[in-house]
Amino acid sequence: MFSYLVRRLLIGAVTLTLITFFVYGLIRSMPGTPLTTALAELDPSKSVSQADYERMKRIYGLDKPWYQAYFVWLGNLARGDLGTSIARKQPVTRLIGERIRATLLLTVPSLILAYLLSIPMGLWATAKSGTIPERTVSTLLYMLYALPSFVAALYLQLLFAVKLEWLPLMDITSPDYAQMSVFGKAWDLLLHALMPMICFTYASLAYETRFIKSNMEEVIRQDYIRTARAKGVGPVRVLVHHAFRNTLIPLVTLIGLTLPALLSGAVILERIFSWPGMGSLFFESLRERDYPTIMGLTLMFSVLTLLGQLLADILYAFVDPRVTYS
């Protein structure tokens, strides 16, 4: 196991280097720079001299070719420094730390809720396969999966915020949040997070339920399932103990791939609900050409993706004794 982990970590380090190298080259190739973006928003009556402009380019490292600037960024990263945001004049680590909490407030409950609902629904759909209730539920799930989350977000806002006025339209808290009690703050956060959480959850619920059902349908046709039924094993035990346990490997793979979604958020949804999370930060950084922040977020998302795959590979040995890394 130790040698396997060492190999995977070395491969991951090389992969991260290649990803960040190409991403840095791509963002430096985008039209405009952080300085041109910032100068475009200045008062037209004010102007910046060429000498000041060149000085700012040197300060932010924009006077170097992108491949040289990348190795400067890589050297700072080796010392644990992700740089300073050009647009916000704050350390990138602090910016990410401030936005992570808002994203986790949505993604963690949404992912947990999606798996808590999709597993029993997938097992139920397998047990009732071909019946009218199962086909009805499957049709509804297909319809949910086909509905874009940003369209659902707009409909939810129109219904619950504009017409019924039950839920807040956007933002993470109310203006008087600081004056509320502890229970009032929790309730206010829940009301603001409810519609985004629904949008985060329903598509995952639809996909994961169908994913579990399709894997279960392959397993229940195996000989050992027929043998268990012939021996008089109850249908629930056959479904859960014998069949579902043998579909855990693809499910673990799916769980590992969803790890980056915990912190990446959703750019469009967070913009619609004015939710100050990681998706909004990534969108704002791209618009402002904020190279240090873009690279910090890219690095974090890439690390999470590789860790999710590594975690899934390690969990294989726990869910299937036949898998070994010795």
C-alpha atoms as a PDB file:
ATOM      1  CA  MET A   1       0.000   0.000   0.000  1.00  0.00           C
ATOM      2  CA  PHE A   2       2.812   2.429   0.888  1.00  0.00           C
ATOM      3  CA  SER A   3       4.600   2.005  -2.439  1.00  0.00           C
ATOM      4  CA  TYR A   4       1.275   2.402  -4.260  1.00  0.00           C
ATOM      5  CA  LEU A   5       0.573   5.678  -2.421  1.00  0.00           C
ATOM      6  CA  VAL A   6       4.063   6.976  -3.190  1.00  0.00           C
ATOM      7  CA  ARG A   7       3.622   6.214  -6.900  1.00  0.00           C
ATOM      8  CA  ARG A   8       0.204   7.863  -6.980  1.00  0.00           C
ATOM      9  CA  LEU A   9       1.482  10.969  -5.181  1.00  0.00           C
ATOM     10  CA  LEU A  10       4.411  11.311  -7.596  1.00  0.00           C
ATOM     11  CA  ILE A  11       2.088  10.909 -10.585  1.00  0.00           C
ATOM     12  CA  GLY A  12      -0.272  13.439  -9.001  1.00  0.00           C
ATOM     13  CA  ALA A  13       2.550  15.953  -8.553  1.00  0.00           C
ATOM     14  CA  VAL A  14       3.516  15.650 -12.227  1.00  0.00           C
ATOM     15  CA  THR A  15      -0.144  15.937 -13.269  1.00  0.00           C
ATOM     16  CA  LEU A  16      -0.632  19.064 -11.138  1.00  0.00           C
ATOM     17  CA  THR A  17       2.461  20.665 -12.652  1.00  0.00           C
ATOM     18  CA  LEU A  18       1.230  20.024 -16.193  1.00  0.00           C
ATOM     19  CA  ILE A  19      -2.295  21.252 -15.403  1.00  0.00           C
ATOM     20  CA  THR A  20      -1.129  24.485 -13.799  1.00  0.00           C
ATOM     21  CA  PHE A  21       1.439  25.088 -16.557  1.00  0.00           C
ATOM     22  CA  PHE A  22      -1.121  24.880 -19.353  1.00  0.00           C
ATOM     23  CA  VAL A  23      -3.793  26.789 -17.412  1.00  0.00           C
ATOM     24  CA  TYR A  24      -1.328  29.594 -16.683  1.00  0.00           C
ATOM     25  CA  GLY A  25      -0.474  29.804 -20.356  1.00  0.00           C
ATOM     26  CA  LEU A  26      -4.160  29.890 -21.316  1.00  0.00           C
ATOM     27  CA  ILE A  27      -5.145  32.650 -18.887  1.00  0.00           C
ATOM     28  CA  ARG A  28      -2.150  34.775 -19.881  1.00  0.00           C
ATOM     29  CA  SER A  29      -3.281  34.381 -23.512  1.00  0.00           C
ATOM     30  CA  MET A  30      -6.721  35.859 -22.796  1.00  0.00           C
ATOM     31  CA  PRO A  31      -7.322  39.341 -24.214  1.00  0.00           C
ATOM     32  CA  GLY A  32      -6.547  42.052 -21.687  1.00  0.00           C
ATOM     33  CA  THR A  33      -4.632  42.014 -18.417  1.00  0.00           C
ATOM     34  CA  PRO A  34      -5.549  42.860 -14.825  1.00  0.00           C
ATOM     35  CA  LEU A  35      -4.219  46.372 -15.422  1.00  0.00           C
ATOM     36  CA  THR A  36      -6.182  47.044 -18.609  1.00  0.00           C
ATOM     37  CA  THR A  37      -9.326  45.737 -16.904  1.00  0.00           C
ATOM     38  CA  ALA A  38      -8.773  48.001 -13.903  1.00  0.00           C
ATOM     39  CA  LEU A  39      -7.891  51.040 -16.033  1.00  0.00           C
ATOM     40  CA  ALA A  40     -11.051  50.588 -18.104  1.00  0.00           C
ATOM     41  CA  GLU A  41     -13.101  51.171 -14.948  1.00  0.00           C
ATOM     42  CA  LEU A  42     -11.303  54.408 -13.992  1.00  0.00           C
ATOM     43  CA  ASP A  43     -12.743  57.862 -14.418  1.00  0.00           C
ATOM     44  CA  PRO A  44     -12.091  58.884 -18.061  1.00  0.00           C
ATOM     45  CA  SER A  45     -10.839  62.282 -16.829  1.00  0.00           C
ATOM     46  CA  LYS A  46      -7.981  60.554 -15.023  1.00  0.00           C
ATOM     47  CA  SER A  47      -5.074  59.064 -16.877  1.00  0.00           C
ATOM     48  CA  VAL A  48      -2.082  56.932 -15.953  1.00  0.00           C
ATOM     49  CA  SER A  49       1.311  57.815 -17.329  1.00  0.00           C
ATOM     50  CA  GLN A  50       3.281  55.259 -19.291  1.00  0.00           C
ATOM     51  CA  ALA A  51       5.951  55.217 -16.588  1.00  0.00           C
ATOM     52  CA  ASP A  52       3.380  54.391 -13.903  1.00  0.00           C
ATOM     53  CA  TYR A  53       1.861  51.728 -16.125  1.00  0.00           C
ATOM     54  CA  GLU A  54       5.223  50.033 -16.669  1.00  0.00           C
ATOM     55  CA  ARG A  55       5.949  50.245 -12.945  1.00  0.00           C
ATOM     56  CA  MET A  56       2.660  48.501 -12.114  1.00  0.00           C
ATOM     57  CA  LYS A  57       3.460  45.795 -14.667  1.00  0.00           C
ATOM     58  CA  ARG A  58       6.764  45.132 -12.883  1.00  0.00           C
ATOM     59  CA  ILE A  59       5.067  45.069  -9.459  1.00  0.00           C
ATOM     60  CA  TYR A  60       2.549  42.443 -10.540  1.00  0.00           C
ATOM     61  CA  GLY A  61       5.023  40.453 -12.643  1.00  0.00           C
ATOM     62  CA  LEU A  62       3.241  41.227 -15.907  1.00  0.00           C
ATOM     63  CA  ASP A  63       6.430  42.396 -17.604  1.00  0.00           C
ATOM     64  CA  LYS A  64       7.745  38.817 -17.903  1.00  0.00           C
ATOM     65  CA  PRO A  65       6.741  36.243 -20.537  1.00  0.00           C
ATOM     66  CA  TRP A  66       4.094  33.875 -19.222  1.00  0.00           C
ATOM     67  CA  TYR A  67       6.404  30.861 -18.989  1.00  0.00           C
ATOM     68  CA  GLN A  68       8.875  32.825 -16.844  1.00  0.00           C
ATOM     69  CA  ALA A  69       6.050  34.197 -14.700  1.00  0.00           C
ATOM     70  CA  TYR A  70       4.747  30.653 -14.229  1.00  0.00           C
ATOM     71  CA  PHE A  71       7.997  29.456 -12.697  1.00  0.00           C
ATOM     72  CA  VAL A  72       7.982  32.499 -10.401  1.00  0.00           C
ATOM     73  CA  TRP A  73       4.452  31.463  -9.302  1.00  0.00           C
ATOM     74  CA  LEU A  74       5.605  27.847  -8.894  1.00  0.00           C
ATOM     75  CA  GLY A  75       8.523  28.952  -6.722  1.00  0.00           C
ATOM     76  CA  ASN A  76       6.208  30.979  -4.507  1.00  0.00           C
ATOM     77  CA  LEU A  77       3.864  27.984  -4.294  1.00  0.00           C
ATOM     78  CA  ALA A  78       6.739  25.800  -3.072  1.00  0.00           C
ATOM     79  CA  ARG A  79       7.079  28.252  -0.158  1.00  0.00           C
ATOM     80  CA  GLY A  80       3.341  28.042   0.563  1.00  0.00           C
ATOM     81  CA  ASP A  81       2.497  31.402  -1.009  1.00  0.00           C
ATOM     82  CA  LEU A  82      -0.392  31.527  -3.494  1.00  0.00           C
ATOM     83  CA  GLY A  83       0.215  35.212  -4.121  1.00  0.00           C
ATOM     84  CA  THR A  84      -1.919  38.300  -3.670  1.00  0.00           C
ATOM     85  CA  SER A  85      -5.099  39.049  -5.559  1.00  0.00           C
ATOM     86  CA  ILE A  86      -4.461  41.843  -8.050  1.00  0.00           C
ATOM     87  CA  ALA A  87      -8.071  43.028  -8.044  1.00  0.00           C
ATOM     88  CA  ARG A  88      -8.752  42.783  -4.285  1.00  0.00           C
ATOM     89  CA  LYS A  89      -5.269  43.381  -2.843  1.00  0.00           C
ATOM     90  CA  GLN A  90      -5.690  40.456  -0.430  1.00  0.00           C
ATOM     91  CA  PRO A  91      -3.817  37.149  -0.088  1.00  0.00           C
ATOM     92  CA  VAL A  92      -5.393  34.487  -2.275  1.00  0.00           C
ATOM     93  CA  THR A  93      -5.493  32.040   0.642  1.00  0.00           C
ATOM     94  CA  ARG A  94      -7.580  34.501   2.659  1.00  0.00           C
ATOM     95  CA  LEU A  95      -9.987  35.062  -0.229  1.00  0.00           C
ATOM     96  CA  ILE A  96     -10.480  31.335  -0.716  1.00  0.00           C
ATOM     97  CA  GLY A  97     -10.929  30.816   3.024  1.00  0.00           C
ATOM     98  CA  GLU A  98     -13.659  33.472   3.140  1.00  0.00           C
ATOM     99  CA  ARG A  99     -15.586  31.940   0.233  1.00  0.00           C
ATOM    100  CA  ILE A 100     -15.236  28.258   1.191  1.00  0.00           C
ATOM    101  CA  ARG A 101     -17.710  28.507   4.053  1.00  0.00           C
ATOM    102  CA  ALA A 102     -20.493  29.841   1.844  1.00  0.00           C
ATOM    103  CA  THR A 103     -19.958  27.108  -0.742  1.00  0.00           C
ATOM    104  CA  LEU A 104     -19.804  24.330   1.867  1.00  0.00           C
ATOM    105  CA  LEU A 105     -23.054  25.608   3.345  1.00  0.00           C
ATOM    106  CA  LEU A 106     -24.728  24.640   0.061  1.00  0.00           C
ATOM    107  CA  THR A 107     -22.749  21.716  -1.285  1.00  0.00           C
ATOM    108  CA  VAL A 108     -22.295  19.533   1.815  1.00  0.00           C
ATOM    109  CA  PRO A 109     -26.027  19.299   2.738  1.00  0.00           C
ATOM    110  CA  SER A 110     -26.935  18.956  -0.946  1.00  0.00           C
ATOM    111  CA  LEU A 111     -24.556  16.064  -1.606  1.00  0.00           C
ATOM    112  CA  ILE A 112     -25.472  14.277   1.633  1.00  0.00           C
ATOM    113  CA  LEU A 113     -29.180  14.694   0.914  1.00  0.00           C
ATOM    114  CA  ALA A 114     -28.748  13.476  -2.667  1.00  0.00           C
ATOM    115  CA  TYR A 115     -27.043  10.234  -1.556  1.00  0.00           C
ATOM    116  CA  LEU A 116     -29.407   9.653   1.381  1.00  0.00           C
ATOM    117  CA  LEU A 117     -32.351   9.816  -1.022  1.00  0.00           C
ATOM    118  CA  SER A 118     -30.844   8.258  -4.148  1.00  0.00           C
ATOM    119  CA  ILE A 119     -29.688   4.996  -2.536  1.00  0.00           C
ATOM    120  CA  PRO A 120     -33.102   3.914  -1.156  1.00  0.00           C
ATOM    121  CA  MET A 121     -34.823   5.242  -4.279  1.00  0.00           C
ATOM    122  CA  GLY A 122     -32.441   3.259  -6.499  1.00  0.00           C
ATOM    123  CA  LEU A 123     -33.025   0.096  -4.489  1.00  0.00           C
ATOM    124  CA  TRP A 124     -36.786   0.650  -4.565  1.00  0.00           C
ATOM    125  CA  ALA A 125     -36.704   1.236  -8.336  1.00  0.00           C
ATOM    126  CA  THR A 126     -34.792  -2.027  -8.760  1.00  0.00           C
ATOM    127  CA  ALA A 127     -37.267  -3.983  -6.639  1.00  0.00           C
ATOM    128  CA  LYS A 128     -40.262  -2.462  -8.466  1.00  0.00           C
ATOM    129  CA  SER A 129     -38.684  -2.509 -11.930  1.00  0.00           C
ATOM    130  CA  GLY A 130     -41.254  -2.528 -14.713  1.00  0.00           C
ATOM    131  CA  THR A 131     -44.202  -1.540 -12.534  1.00  0.00           C
ATOM    132  CA  ILE A 132     -46.297   1.580 -13.119  1.00  0.00           C
ATOM    133  CA  PRO A 133     -45.045   3.372  -9.942  1.00  0.00           C
ATOM    134  CA  GLU A 134     -41.430   2.708 -10.908  1.00  0.00           C
ATOM    135  CA  ARG A 135     -41.921   3.919 -14.472  1.00  0.00           C
ATOM    136  CA  THR A 136     -43.676   7.039 -13.195  1.00  0.00           C
ATOM    137  CA  VAL A 137     -40.844   7.860 -10.797  1.00  0.00           C
ATOM    138  CA  SER A 138     -38.226   7.109 -13.462  1.00  0.00           C
ATOM    139  CA  THR A 139     -39.986   9.438 -15.915  1.00  0.00           C
ATOM    140  CA  LEU A 140     -40.066  12.211 -13.315  1.00  0.00           C
ATOM    141  CA  LEU A 141     -36.358  11.692 -12.611  1.00  0.00           C
ATOM    142  CA  TYR A 142     -35.549  11.886 -16.325  1.00  0.00           C
ATOM    143  CA  MET A 143     -37.503  15.134 -16.535  1.00  0.00           C
ATOM    144  CA  LEU A 144     -35.648  16.566 -13.539  1.00  0.00           C
ATOM    145  CA  TYR A 145     -32.282  15.545 -14.965  1.00  0.00           C
ATOM    146  CA  ALA A 146     -33.156  17.181 -18.298  1.00  0.00           C
ATOM    147  CA  LEU A 147     -34.167  20.462 -16.623  1.00  0.00           C
ATOM    148  CA  PRO A 148     -31.176  22.833 -16.402  1.00  0.00           C
ATOM    149  CA  SER A 149     -30.526  23.959 -12.835  1.00  0.00           C
ATOM    150  CA  PHE A 150     -30.363  27.643 -13.784  1.00  0.00           C
ATOM    151  CA  VAL A 151     -33.831  27.404 -15.374  1.00  0.00           C
ATOM    152  CA  ALA A 152     -35.167  25.732 -12.230  1.00  0.00           C
ATOM    153  CA  ALA A 153     -33.541  28.495 -10.165  1.00  0.00           C
ATOM    154  CA  LEU A 154     -35.387  31.204 -12.077  1.00  0.00           C
ATOM    155  CA  TYR A 155     -38.726  29.393 -11.725  1.00  0.00           C
ATOM    156  CA  LEU A 156     -38.169  28.889  -7.996  1.00  0.00           C
ATOM    157  CA  GLN A 157     -37.370  32.568  -7.559  1.00  0.00           C
ATOM    158  CA  LEU A 158     -40.498  33.586  -9.454  1.00  0.00           C
ATOM    159  CA  LEU A 159     -42.722  31.235  -7.451  1.00  0.00           C
ATOM    160  CA  PHE A 160     -41.379  31.302  -3.888  1.00  0.00           C
ATOM    161  CA  ALA A 161     -39.724  34.737  -3.743  1.00  0.00           C
ATOM    162  CA  VAL A 162     -41.731  36.957  -6.101  1.00  0.00           C
ATOM    163  CA  LYS A 163     -45.275  35.554  -6.081  1.00  0.00           C
ATOM    164  CA  LEU A 164     -45.607  33.764  -2.746  1.00  0.00           C
ATOM    165  CA  GLU A 165     -42.911  35.810  -0.942  1.00  0.00           C
ATOM    166  CA  TRP A 166     -42.058  32.809   1.233  1.00  0.00           C
ATOM    167  CA  LEU A 167     -38.295  32.822   0.627  1.00  0.00           C
ATOM    168  CA  PRO A 168     -35.628  35.514   0.094  1.00  0.00           C
ATOM    169  CA  LEU A 169     -34.805  36.233  -3.530  1.00  0.00           C
ATOM    170  CA  MET A 170     -31.010  36.182  -3.215  1.00  0.00           C
ATOM    171  CA  ASP A 171     -27.957  36.811  -0.979  1.00  0.00           C
ATOM    172  CA  ILE A 172     -26.776  34.662   1.901  1.00  0.00           C
ATOM    173  CA  THR A 173     -28.266  36.632   4.812  1.00  0.00           C
ATOM    174  CA  SER A 174     -30.772  39.398   5.513  1.00  0.00           C
ATOM    175  CA  PRO A 175     -29.669  43.013   6.164  1.00  0.00           C
ATOM    176  CA  ASP A 176     -30.468  42.701   9.899  1.00  0.00           C
ATOM    177  CA  TYR A 177     -28.615  39.392  10.286  1.00  0.00           C
ATOM    178  CA  ALA A 178     -26.156  40.788  12.874  1.00  0.00           C
ATOM    179  CA  GLN A 179     -28.980  41.747  15.252  1.00  0.00           C
ATOM    180  CA  MET A 180     -30.639  38.300  15.206  1.00  0.00           C
ATOM    181  CA  SER A 181     -30.432  35.628  17.889  1.00  0.00           C
ATOM    182  CA  VAL A 182     -28.520  32.396  17.298  1.00  0.00           C
ATOM    183  CA  PHE A 183     -31.719  30.580  16.296  1.00  0.00           C
ATOM    184  CA  GLY A 184     -32.768  33.528  14.143  1.00  0.00           C
ATOM    185  CA  LYS A 185     -29.423  33.500  12.323  1.00  0.00           C
ATOM    186  CA  ALA A 186     -29.671  29.755  11.656  1.00  0.00           C
ATOM    187  CA  TRP A 187     -33.233  30.139  10.387  1.00  0.00           C
ATOM    188  CA  ASP A 188     -32.254  33.086   8.185  1.00  0.00           C
ATOM    189  CA  LEU A 189     -29.379  31.112   6.651  1.00  0.00           C
ATOM    190  CA  LEU A 190     -31.685  28.161   6.020  1.00  0.00           C
ATOM    191  CA  LEU A 191     -34.270  30.325   4.259  1.00  0.00           C
ATOM    192  CA  HIS A 192     -31.622  31.902   2.026  1.00  0.00           C
ATOM    193  CA  ALA A 193     -29.970  28.535   1.273  1.00  0.00           C
ATOM    194  CA  LEU A 194     -33.139  26.554   0.590  1.00  0.00           C
ATOM    195  CA  MET A 195     -33.649  27.395  -3.092  1.00  0.00           C
ATOM    196  CA  PRO A 196     -29.962  27.047  -4.050  1.00  0.00           C
ATOM    197  CA  MET A 197     -29.810  23.728  -2.180  1.00  0.00           C
ATOM    198  CA  ILE A 198     -32.816  22.429  -4.110  1.00  0.00           C
ATOM    199  CA  CYS A 199     -31.127  23.368  -7.387  1.00  0.00           C
ATOM    200  CA  PHE A 200     -27.887  21.705  -6.295  1.00  0.00           C
ATOM    201  CA  THR A 201     -29.664  18.536  -5.141  1.00  0.00           C
ATOM    202  CA  TYR A 202     -32.300  17.570  -7.687  1.00  0.00           C
ATOM    203  CA  ALA A 203     -30.032  16.949 -10.686  1.00  0.00           C
ATOM    204  CA  SER A 204     -27.633  14.842  -8.588  1.00  0.00           C
ATOM    205  CA  LEU A 205     -30.559  12.945  -7.085  1.00  0.00           C
ATOM    206  CA  ALA A 206     -31.951  12.106 -10.520  1.00  0.00           C
ATOM    207  CA  TYR A 207     -28.600  10.994 -11.931  1.00  0.00           C
ATOM    208  CA  GLU A 208     -27.476   8.969  -8.899  1.00  0.00           C
ATOM    209  CA  THR A 209     -30.812   7.161  -8.582  1.00  0.00           C
ATOM    210  CA  ARG A 210     -30.636   6.073 -12.220  1.00  0.00           C
ATOM    211  CA  PHE A 211     -26.946   5.187 -11.755  1.00  0.00           C
ATOM    212  CA  ILE A 212     -27.684   2.919  -8.788  1.00  0.00           C
ATOM    213  CA  LYS A 213     -30.644   1.280 -10.539  1.00  0.00           C
ATOM    214  CA  SER A 214     -28.695   0.542 -13.714  1.00  0.00           C
ATOM    215  CA  ASN A 215     -25.856  -1.072 -11.737  1.00  0.00           C
ATOM    216  CA  MET A 216     -28.286  -3.054  -9.607  1.00  0.00           C
ATOM    217  CA  GLU A 217     -30.081  -4.424 -12.666  1.00  0.00           C
ATOM    218  CA  GLU A 218     -26.806  -5.907 -13.920  1.00  0.00           C
ATOM    219  CA  VAL A 219     -26.045  -7.547 -10.576  1.00  0.00           C
ATOM    220  CA  ILE A 220     -29.450  -9.083  -9.884  1.00  0.00           C
ATOM    221  CA  ARG A 221     -29.150 -11.129 -13.074  1.00  0.00           C
ATOM    222  CA  GLN A 222     -26.034 -12.911 -11.772  1.00  0.00           C
ATOM    223  CA  ASP A 223     -26.069 -16.583 -10.816  1.00  0.00           C
ATOM    224  CA  TYR A 224     -25.258 -16.024  -7.151  1.00  0.00           C
ATOM    225  CA  ILE A 225     -28.377 -13.845  -6.788  1.00  0.00           C
ATOM    226  CA  ARG A 226     -30.550 -16.626  -8.218  1.00  0.00           C
ATOM    227  CA  THR A 227     -28.810 -19.079  -5.879  1.00  0.00           C
ATOM    228  CA  ALA A 228     -29.531 -16.886  -2.862  1.00  0.00           C
ATOM    229  CA  ARG A 229     -33.184 -16.633  -3.842  1.00  0.00           C
ATOM    230  CA  ALA A 230     -33.371 -20.406  -4.363  1.00  0.00           C
ATOM    231  CA  LYS A 231     -32.047 -20.949  -0.837  1.00  0.00           C
ATOM    232  CA  GLY A 232     -34.949 -18.908   0.529  1.00  0.00           C
ATOM    233  CA  VAL A 233     -33.103 -15.699   1.378  1.00  0.00           C
ATOM    234  CA  GLY A 234     -35.565 -12.839   1.841  1.00  0.00           C
ATOM    235  CA  PRO A 235     -35.957 -10.270  -0.978  1.00  0.00           C
ATOM    236  CA  VAL A 236     -34.732  -7.365   1.165  1.00  0.00           C
ATOM    237  CA  ARG A 237     -31.587  -9.225   2.233  1.00  0.00           C
ATOM    238  CA  VAL A 238     -30.922 -10.327  -1.348  1.00  0.00           C
ATOM    239  CA  LEU A 239     -31.318  -6.752  -2.574  1.00  0.00           C
ATOM    240  CA  VAL A 240     -29.273  -5.005   0.131  1.00  0.00           C
ATOM    241  CA  HIS A 241     -26.771  -7.561   1.400  1.00  0.00           C
ATOM    242  CA  HIS A 242     -25.999  -9.540  -1.756  1.00  0.00           C
ATOM    243  CA  ALA A 243     -26.746  -7.211  -4.687  1.00  0.00           C
ATOM    244  CA  PHE A 244     -26.098  -3.702  -3.401  1.00  0.00           C
ATOM    245  CA  ARG A 245     -22.758  -4.608  -1.783  1.00  0.00           C
ATOM    246  CA  ASN A 246     -21.499  -5.717  -5.185  1.00  0.00           C
ATOM    247  CA  THR A 247     -22.388  -2.376  -6.786  1.00  0.00           C
ATOM    248  CA  LEU A 248     -20.327  -0.328  -4.318  1.00  0.00           C
ATOM    249  CA  ILE A 249     -17.237  -0.020  -6.520  1.00  0.00           C
ATOM    250  CA  PRO A 250     -18.904   2.131  -9.218  1.00  0.00           C
ATOM    251  CA  LEU A 251     -20.721   4.047  -6.453  1.00  0.00           C
ATOM    252  CA  VAL A 252     -17.422   4.726  -4.652  1.00  0.00           C
ATOM    253  CA  THR A 253     -15.972   5.955  -7.948  1.00  0.00           C
ATOM    254  CA  LEU A 254     -18.894   8.331  -8.316  1.00  0.00           C
ATOM    255  CA  ILE A 255     -18.463   9.593  -4.745  1.00  0.00           C
ATOM    256  CA  GLY A 256     -14.760  10.209  -5.359  1.00  0.00           C
ATOM    257  CA  LEU A 257     -15.514  12.224  -8.473  1.00  0.00           C
ATOM    258  CA  THR A 258     -18.005  14.417  -6.568  1.00  0.00           C
ATOM    259  CA  LEU A 259     -15.372  15.504  -4.019  1.00  0.00           C
ATOM    260  CA  PRO A 260     -14.280  18.542  -6.078  1.00  0.00           C
ATOM    261  CA  ALA A 261     -17.925  19.665  -6.216  1.00  0.00           C
ATOM    262  CA  LEU A 262     -17.797  20.242  -2.457  1.00  0.00           C
ATOM    263  CA  LEU A 263     -15.677  23.350  -2.954  1.00  0.00           C
ATOM    264  CA  SER A 264     -16.050  24.290  -6.602  1.00  0.00           C
ATOM    265  CA  GLY A 265     -19.686  25.371  -6.279  1.00  0.00           C
ATOM    266  CA  ALA A 266     -21.687  26.285  -9.359  1.00  0.00           C
ATOM    267  CA  VAL A 267     -20.850  29.499 -11.183  1.00  0.00           C
ATOM    268  CA  ILE A 268     -24.254  30.139 -12.757  1.00  0.00           C
ATOM    269  CA  LEU A 269     -26.316  29.214  -9.694  1.00  0.00           C
ATOM    270  CA  GLU A 270     -24.199  31.310  -7.363  1.00  0.00           C
ATOM    271  CA  ARG A 271     -24.490  34.265  -9.714  1.00  0.00           C
ATOM    272  CA  ILE A 272     -28.278  33.885  -9.935  1.00  0.00           C
ATOM    273  CA  PHE A 273     -28.699  33.774  -6.154  1.00  0.00           C
ATOM    274  CA  SER A 274     -25.870  36.280  -5.475  1.00  0.00           C
ATOM    275  CA  TRP A 275     -24.278  33.622  -3.297  1.00  0.00           C
ATOM    276  CA  PRO A 276     -20.712  34.611  -2.280  1.00  0.00           C
ATOM    277  CA  GLY A 277     -19.117  31.213  -2.857  1.00  0.00           C
ATOM    278  CA  MET A 278     -16.256  29.715  -4.827  1.00  0.00           C
ATOM    279  CA  GLY A 279     -18.159  29.710  -8.114  1.00  0.00           C
ATOM    280  CA  SER A 280     -18.776  33.451  -7.888  1.00  0.00           C
ATOM    281  CA  LEU A 281     -15.137  34.064  -6.968  1.00  0.00           C
ATOM    282  CA  PHE A 282     -13.946  32.075  -9.975  1.00  0.00           C
ATOM    283  CA  PHE A 283     -16.254  33.987 -12.319  1.00  0.00           C
ATOM    284  CA  GLU A 284     -15.199  37.354 -10.904  1.00  0.00           C
ATOM    285  CA  SER A 285     -11.519  36.413 -11.138  1.00  0.00           C
ATOM    286  CA  LEU A 286     -11.860  35.473 -14.802  1.00  0.00           C
ATOM    287  CA  ARG A 287     -13.673  38.723 -15.562  1.00  0.00           C
ATOM    288  CA  GLU A 288     -11.009  40.775 -13.771  1.00  0.00           C
ATOM    289  CA  ARG A 289      -8.100  38.736 -15.208  1.00  0.00           C
ATOM    290  CA  ASP A 290      -6.962  38.166 -11.633  1.00  0.00           C
ATOM    291  CA  TYR A 291      -4.217  35.660 -12.420  1.00  0.00           C
ATOM    292  CA  PRO A 292      -3.137  34.739  -8.832  1.00  0.00           C
ATOM    293  CA  THR A 293      -6.724  34.029  -7.753  1.00  0.00           C
ATOM    294  CA  ILE A 294      -7.479  31.985 -10.886  1.00  0.00           C
ATOM    295  CA  MET A 295      -4.354  29.908 -10.344  1.00  0.00           C
ATOM    296  CA  GLY A 296      -5.102  29.408  -6.657  1.00  0.00           C
ATOM    297  CA  LEU A 297      -8.603  28.163  -7.439  1.00  0.00           C
ATOM    298  CA  THR A 298      -7.374  25.975 -10.305  1.00  0.00           C
ATOM    299  CA  LEU A 299      -4.782  24.415  -8.032  1.00  0.00           C
ATOM    300  CA  MET A 300      -7.372  23.707  -5.338  1.00  0.00           C
ATOM    301  CA  PHE A 301      -9.871  22.155  -7.772  1.00  0.00           C
ATOM    302  CA  SER A 302      -7.148  20.026  -9.372  1.00  0.00           C
ATOM    303  CA  VAL A 303      -5.870  18.786  -6.001  1.00  0.00           C
ATOM    304  CA  LEU A 304      -9.407  17.867  -4.950  1.00  0.00           C
ATOM    305  CA  THR A 305      -9.986  15.962  -8.192  1.00  0.00           C
ATOM    306  CA  LEU A 306      -6.801  13.937  -7.771  1.00  0.00           C
ATOM    307  CA  LEU A 307      -7.518  13.321  -4.076  1.00  0.00           C
ATOM    308  CA  GLY A 308     -11.038  12.167  -4.927  1.00  0.00           C
ATOM    309  CA  GLN A 309      -9.680   9.624  -7.394  1.00  0.00           C
ATOM    310  CA  LEU A 310      -7.051   8.455  -4.905  1.00  0.00           C
ATOM    311  CA  LEU A 311      -9.655   8.145  -2.144  1.00  0.00           C
ATOM    312  CA  ALA A 312     -11.904   6.103  -4.427  1.00  0.00           C
ATOM    313  CA  ASP A 313      -9.028   3.746  -5.311  1.00  0.00           C
ATOM    314  CA  ILE A 314      -8.199   3.233  -1.628  1.00  0.00           C
ATOM    315  CA  LEU A 315     -11.836   2.589  -0.723  1.00  0.00           C
ATOM    316  CA  TYR A 316     -12.016  -0.138  -3.376  1.00  0.00           C
ATOM    317  CA  ALA A 317      -9.997  -2.393  -1.066  1.00  0.00           C
ATOM    318  CA  PHE A 318     -12.531  -1.875   1.736  1.00  0.00           C
ATOM    319  CA  VAL A 319     -15.678  -2.521  -0.293  1.00  0.00           C
ATOM    320  CA  ASP A 320     -14.208  -5.432  -2.297  1.00  0.00           C
ATOM    321  CA  PRO A 321     -11.771  -7.820  -0.522  1.00  0.00           C
ATOM    322  CA  ARG A 322     -10.547  -9.035  -3.925  1.00  0.00           C
ATOM    323  CA  VAL A 323      -8.847  -5.672  -4.522  1.00  0.00           C
ATOM    324  CA  THR A 324      -5.375  -5.418  -3.010  1.00  0.00           C
ATOM    325  CA  TYR A 325      -2.515  -2.931  -3.344  1.00  0.00           C
ATOM    326  CA  SER A 326       0.174  -5.036  -1.701  1.00  0.00           C
END
